[in-house]
Amino acid sequence: MLCTSKGIAVKYTPTAVTRNLRTLGEHASIQRKLLSLTVNDVAQRAGVSTTTVVNLEHGKPVRTDSLFAVLGILQLAKPAIDATDPYHTDLGALRAAEQLPKRVRNRS
């Protein structure tokens, strides 16, 4: 959704998304410090700019490939992927025994 402010189009980001980005950034920052890495160290190893790392740590949106490059350096990529495994959700666990359909169609 786009809102306009003084003639400039501004994309609206839902509050929950903003909160999640900020939390992810805080976790990345803490992990970087636990690993005794500077922002520049992470940026160089991930092949991204220092601005990208700073933006990520401050909860600003970054490209997905850049996000995972940084998470990889911070040893957080695998836990992030594992955390999104649908079979580790309540619904996924309940339906794990069922056959997963090849595709889902609209019911009209």
C-alpha atoms as a PDB file:
ATOM      1  CA  MET A   1       0.000   0.000   0.000  1.00  0.00           C
ATOM      2  CA  LEU A   2       1.335   3.435  -0.912  1.00  0.00           C
ATOM      3  CA  CYS A   3       0.541   6.579   1.039  1.00  0.00           C
ATOM      4  CA  THR A   4       1.399  10.045  -0.174  1.00  0.00           C
ATOM      5  CA  SER A   5       3.052  12.649   1.981  1.00  0.00           C
ATOM      6  CA  LYS A   6       3.566  16.064   0.405  1.00  0.00           C
ATOM      7  CA  GLY A   7       3.337  14.528  -3.060  1.00  0.00           C
ATOM      8  CA  ILE A   8       5.907  11.790  -2.321  1.00  0.00           C
ATOM      9  CA  ALA A   9       4.798   8.148  -2.468  1.00  0.00           C
ATOM     10  CA  VAL A  10       5.717   6.349   0.751  1.00  0.00           C
ATOM     11  CA  LYS A  11       5.273   2.609   1.196  1.00  0.00           C
ATOM     12  CA  TYR A  12       3.405   1.707   4.374  1.00  0.00           C
ATOM     13  CA  THR A  13       5.010  -1.057   6.419  1.00  0.00           C
ATOM     14  CA  PRO A  14       2.733  -2.779   8.941  1.00  0.00           C
ATOM     15  CA  THR A  15       3.719  -2.329  12.582  1.00  0.00           C
ATOM     16  CA  ALA A  16       4.290  -6.063  13.125  1.00  0.00           C
ATOM     17  CA  VAL A  17       6.716  -6.163  10.179  1.00  0.00           C
ATOM     18  CA  THR A  18       8.591  -3.127  11.480  1.00  0.00           C
ATOM     19  CA  ARG A  19       8.834  -4.737  14.923  1.00  0.00           C
ATOM     20  CA  ASN A  20      10.112  -8.012  13.444  1.00  0.00           C
ATOM     21  CA  LEU A  21      12.739  -6.213  11.350  1.00  0.00           C
ATOM     22  CA  ARG A  22      13.933  -4.347  14.433  1.00  0.00           C
ATOM     23  CA  THR A  23      14.118  -7.564  16.497  1.00  0.00           C
ATOM     24  CA  LEU A  24      15.998  -9.377  13.728  1.00  0.00           C
ATOM     25  CA  GLY A  25      18.413  -6.452  13.514  1.00  0.00           C
ATOM     26  CA  GLU A  26      18.995  -6.473  17.262  1.00  0.00           C
ATOM     27  CA  HIS A  27      19.689 -10.216  17.179  1.00  0.00           C
ATOM     28  CA  ALA A  28      22.129  -9.776  14.287  1.00  0.00           C
ATOM     29  CA  SER A  29      23.915  -6.982  16.129  1.00  0.00           C
ATOM     30  CA  ILE A  30      24.229  -9.030  19.327  1.00  0.00           C
ATOM     31  CA  GLN A  31      25.514 -12.064  17.404  1.00  0.00           C
ATOM     32  CA  ARG A  32      28.064  -9.917  15.568  1.00  0.00           C
ATOM     33  CA  LYS A  33      29.358  -8.622  18.883  1.00  0.00           C
ATOM     34  CA  LEU A  34      29.418 -12.126  20.397  1.00  0.00           C
ATOM     35  CA  LEU A  35      31.585 -13.176  17.450  1.00  0.00           C
ATOM     36  CA  SER A  36      33.837 -10.123  18.052  1.00  0.00           C
ATOM     37  CA  LEU A  37      33.278  -8.857  14.507  1.00  0.00           C
ATOM     38  CA  THR A  38      33.055  -5.250  13.369  1.00  0.00           C
ATOM     39  CA  VAL A  39      30.398  -4.041  10.955  1.00  0.00           C
ATOM     40  CA  ASN A  40      33.166  -3.712   8.376  1.00  0.00           C
ATOM     41  CA  ASP A  41      34.321  -7.326   9.001  1.00  0.00           C
ATOM     42  CA  VAL A  42      30.809  -8.646   8.402  1.00  0.00           C
ATOM     43  CA  ALA A  43      30.278  -6.477   5.332  1.00  0.00           C
ATOM     44  CA  GLN A  44      33.545  -7.585   3.728  1.00  0.00           C
ATOM     45  CA  ARG A  45      32.974 -11.282   4.446  1.00  0.00           C
ATOM     46  CA  ALA A  46      29.359 -11.149   3.251  1.00  0.00           C
ATOM     47  CA  GLY A  47      30.197  -9.148   0.131  1.00  0.00           C
ATOM     48  CA  VAL A  48      27.812  -6.329   0.997  1.00  0.00           C
ATOM     49  CA  SER A  49      28.291  -2.686   1.946  1.00  0.00           C
ATOM     50  CA  THR A  50      28.688  -1.520   5.523  1.00  0.00           C
ATOM     51  CA  THR A  51      25.509   0.488   4.974  1.00  0.00           C
ATOM     52  CA  THR A  52      23.626  -2.756   4.338  1.00  0.00           C
ATOM     53  CA  VAL A  53      24.868  -4.260   7.616  1.00  0.00           C
ATOM     54  CA  VAL A  54      24.032  -1.076   9.526  1.00  0.00           C
ATOM     55  CA  ASN A  55      20.567  -0.922   7.929  1.00  0.00           C
ATOM     56  CA  LEU A  56      19.940  -4.559   8.843  1.00  0.00           C
ATOM     57  CA  GLU A  57      21.035  -3.994  12.444  1.00  0.00           C
ATOM     58  CA  HIS A  58      18.779  -0.926  12.696  1.00  0.00           C
ATOM     59  CA  GLY A  59      15.741  -2.846  11.464  1.00  0.00           C
ATOM     60  CA  LYS A  60      15.577  -1.284   8.026  1.00  0.00           C
ATOM     61  CA  PRO A  61      14.628  -3.452   5.026  1.00  0.00           C
ATOM     62  CA  VAL A  62      17.481  -5.001   3.033  1.00  0.00           C
ATOM     63  CA  ARG A  63      17.509  -7.307   0.029  1.00  0.00           C
ATOM     64  CA  THR A  64      16.879 -10.945   0.866  1.00  0.00           C
ATOM     65  CA  ASP A  65      20.154 -12.126  -0.689  1.00  0.00           C
ATOM     66  CA  SER A  66      22.053  -9.543   1.352  1.00  0.00           C
ATOM     67  CA  LEU A  67      20.179 -10.590   4.481  1.00  0.00           C
ATOM     68  CA  PHE A  68      21.176 -14.222   4.069  1.00  0.00           C
ATOM     69  CA  ALA A  69      24.753 -13.321   3.154  1.00  0.00           C
ATOM     70  CA  VAL A  70      25.049 -11.448   6.454  1.00  0.00           C
ATOM     71  CA  LEU A  71      23.193 -14.137   8.422  1.00  0.00           C
ATOM     72  CA  GLY A  72      25.577 -16.712   6.963  1.00  0.00           C
ATOM     73  CA  ILE A  73      28.605 -14.822   8.264  1.00  0.00           C
ATOM     74  CA  LEU A  74      26.894 -14.477  11.643  1.00  0.00           C
ATOM     75  CA  GLN A  75      26.151 -18.234  11.730  1.00  0.00           C
ATOM     76  CA  LEU A  76      22.413 -17.487  11.812  1.00  0.00           C
ATOM     77  CA  ALA A  77      21.357 -18.551   8.309  1.00  0.00           C
ATOM     78  CA  LYS A  78      20.747 -22.227   9.145  1.00  0.00           C
ATOM     79  CA  PRO A  79      18.765 -21.425  12.317  1.00  0.00           C
ATOM     80  CA  ALA A  80      16.675 -18.931  10.309  1.00  0.00           C
ATOM     81  CA  ILE A  81      15.948 -21.533   7.624  1.00  0.00           C
ATOM     82  CA  ASP A  82      15.203 -24.197  10.237  1.00  0.00           C
ATOM     83  CA  ALA A  83      12.850 -21.813  12.060  1.00  0.00           C
ATOM     84  CA  THR A  84      10.725 -21.459   8.917  1.00  0.00           C
ATOM     85  CA  ASP A  85      10.267 -25.214   8.411  1.00  0.00           C
ATOM     86  CA  PRO A  86       6.486 -25.598   8.082  1.00  0.00           C
ATOM     87  CA  TYR A  87       6.619 -29.061   9.622  1.00  0.00           C
ATOM     88  CA  HIS A  88       7.823 -27.496  12.881  1.00  0.00           C
ATOM     89  CA  THR A  89       4.616 -25.475  13.248  1.00  0.00           C
ATOM     90  CA  ASP A  90       1.587 -26.804  15.126  1.00  0.00           C
ATOM     91  CA  LEU A  91      -0.382 -27.185  11.897  1.00  0.00           C
ATOM     92  CA  GLY A  92       2.552 -28.759  10.079  1.00  0.00           C
ATOM     93  CA  ALA A  93       3.060 -31.299  12.847  1.00  0.00           C
ATOM     94  CA  LEU A  94      -0.633 -32.228  12.739  1.00  0.00           C
ATOM     95  CA  ARG A  95      -0.619 -32.637   8.984  1.00  0.00           C
ATOM     96  CA  ALA A  96       2.824 -34.228   8.636  1.00  0.00           C
ATOM     97  CA  ALA A  97       1.301 -37.653   8.114  1.00  0.00           C
ATOM     98  CA  GLU A  98      -1.026 -36.411   5.371  1.00  0.00           C
ATOM     99  CA  GLN A  99       0.037 -36.335   1.747  1.00  0.00           C
ATOM    100  CA  LEU A 100       1.125 -32.855   0.710  1.00  0.00           C
ATOM    101  CA  PRO A 101      -0.738 -31.800  -2.458  1.00  0.00           C
ATOM    102  CA  LYS A 102       1.294 -30.988  -5.584  1.00  0.00           C
ATOM    103  CA  ARG A 103      -0.517 -27.656  -5.854  1.00  0.00           C
ATOM    104  CA  VAL A 104      -3.373 -25.788  -4.259  1.00  0.00           C
ATOM    105  CA  ARG A 105      -6.274 -24.479  -6.353  1.00  0.00           C
ATOM    106  CA  ASN A 106      -8.818 -21.783  -5.622  1.00  0.00           C
ATOM    107  CA  ARG A 107     -12.158 -23.154  -4.487  1.00  0.00           C
ATOM    108  CA  SER A 108     -14.729 -21.323  -6.536  1.00  0.00           C
END
